[in-house]
Amino acid sequence: MTHQRTVYISADSILQLLTHYSEGDLPLDATLKNAGVSQFMNRWIGFWVDSDQWRDAEGTKDGGLMPLHIRYEGKKVLVWGDIGSPDPVWRSGIEGPRRA
């Protein structure tokens, strides 16, 4: 028998974790403006984040920035969406806390 439990975590806490694990892809001054659940990608969430320190601040033709995709698996972080670098990059993540 499977048991289910609802787990609540603030979007700001997730943003802080992502800032830590992405090793510079999310700027330290990142401020969460909004969050939502993707209607196209099952179990994916999106954050709208403001910062004056984005690496690729030149943006797209319409003045916006390309989406930044981050995925965490174990001790690795997958990042793609950098302007000029369409290929995803796996990086060694910083080891997080462990449960006993």
Protein backbone atom coordinates (compact mmCIF):
# COMPACT_ATOMS: atom_id res chain seq x y z
CA MET A 1 0.00 0.00 0.00
CA THR A 2 1.37 3.39 -1.01
CA HIS A 3 1.07 6.33 1.34
CA GLN A 4 0.92 9.89 0.11
CA ARG A 5 1.67 13.09 1.91
CA THR A 6 1.45 16.69 0.77
CA VAL A 7 4.77 18.50 1.11
CA TYR A 8 4.86 22.27 1.20
CA ILE A 9 7.95 24.33 0.48
CA SER A 10 8.19 28.00 -0.36
CA ALA A 11 9.16 28.93 -3.91
CA ASP A 12 11.75 31.33 -2.43
CA SER A 13 13.42 28.37 -0.67
CA ILE A 14 13.60 26.45 -3.95
CA LEU A 15 15.08 29.50 -5.69
CA GLN A 16 17.75 29.76 -2.98
CA LEU A 17 18.62 26.07 -3.41
CA LEU A 18 18.82 26.47 -7.19
CA THR A 19 21.03 29.54 -6.79
CA HIS A 20 23.36 27.45 -4.62
CA TYR A 21 23.43 24.34 -6.83
CA SER A 22 23.63 26.05 -10.23
CA GLU A 23 27.08 27.50 -9.41
CA GLY A 24 26.55 30.96 -10.87
CA ASP A 25 23.86 30.37 -13.48
CA LEU A 26 21.34 31.99 -11.14
CA PRO A 27 22.71 35.27 -9.77
CA LEU A 28 22.97 35.83 -6.02
CA ASP A 29 20.64 38.85 -6.25
CA ALA A 30 17.88 36.76 -7.94
CA THR A 31 14.41 37.81 -6.80
CA LEU A 32 11.37 35.59 -7.34
CA LYS A 33 8.52 37.44 -9.05
CA ASN A 34 6.17 34.58 -9.85
CA ALA A 35 5.98 30.79 -10.03
CA GLY A 36 3.77 28.38 -11.92
CA VAL A 37 3.27 24.79 -13.02
CA SER A 38 3.93 23.94 -16.68
CA GLN A 39 0.90 22.95 -18.71
CA PHE A 40 3.18 21.32 -21.31
CA MET A 41 5.81 19.47 -19.27
CA ASN A 42 4.47 17.13 -16.61
CA ARG A 43 5.75 17.90 -13.06
CA TRP A 44 7.81 20.93 -14.15
CA ILE A 45 7.57 24.31 -12.48
CA GLY A 46 8.68 27.68 -13.74
CA PHE A 47 9.97 30.72 -11.90
CA TRP A 48 9.99 34.29 -13.21
CA VAL A 49 13.11 35.78 -11.69
CA ASP A 50 14.52 39.33 -11.72
CA SER A 51 18.21 40.14 -11.44
CA ASP A 52 20.64 42.84 -12.51
CA GLN A 53 23.40 40.24 -12.76
CA TRP A 54 22.31 37.85 -15.53
CA ARG A 55 25.31 36.60 -17.49
CA ASP A 56 23.65 36.89 -20.91
CA ALA A 57 21.75 40.12 -20.38
CA GLU A 58 21.71 40.99 -24.09
CA GLY A 59 18.62 38.80 -24.45
CA THR A 60 16.51 37.91 -27.45
CA LYS A 61 15.24 39.94 -30.41
CA ASP A 62 12.20 41.13 -28.43
CA GLY A 63 14.33 42.23 -25.46
CA GLY A 64 13.57 39.28 -23.20
CA LEU A 65 16.04 36.71 -21.93
CA MET A 66 16.14 33.10 -23.08
CA PRO A 67 14.61 30.66 -20.60
CA LEU A 68 17.11 28.96 -18.31
CA HIS A 69 16.41 25.26 -17.72
CA ILE A 70 17.86 23.59 -14.63
CA ARG A 71 17.54 19.95 -13.65
CA TYR A 72 19.07 18.32 -10.57
CA GLU A 73 20.01 14.63 -10.46
CA GLY A 74 22.01 13.36 -7.55
CA LYS A 75 25.22 15.35 -7.46
CA LYS A 76 24.92 16.76 -10.98
CA VAL A 77 23.10 19.82 -12.32
CA LEU A 78 21.95 20.07 -15.95
CA VAL A 79 21.77 23.61 -17.29
CA TRP A 80 20.71 24.68 -20.76
CA GLY A 81 19.36 27.86 -22.29
CA ASP A 82 22.47 30.07 -22.29
CA ILE A 83 22.59 32.40 -25.27
CA GLY A 84 25.24 31.23 -27.73
CA SER A 85 25.35 27.75 -26.15
CA PRO A 86 22.31 25.70 -27.19
CA ASP A 87 23.70 22.43 -25.80
CA PRO A 88 22.96 21.34 -22.24
CA VAL A 89 25.89 21.13 -19.84
CA TRP A 90 26.18 18.71 -16.90
CA ARG A 91 28.14 20.06 -13.94
CA SER A 92 29.10 18.45 -10.69
CA GLY A 93 26.75 19.82 -8.09
CA ILE A 94 27.61 20.76 -4.56
CA GLU A 95 26.79 17.94 -2.21
CA GLY A 96 23.64 18.72 -0.32
CA PRO A 97 22.47 17.61 3.11
CA ARG A 98 21.77 13.95 3.67
CA ARG A 99 19.04 12.35 5.69
CA ALA A 100 20.10 9.79 8.27
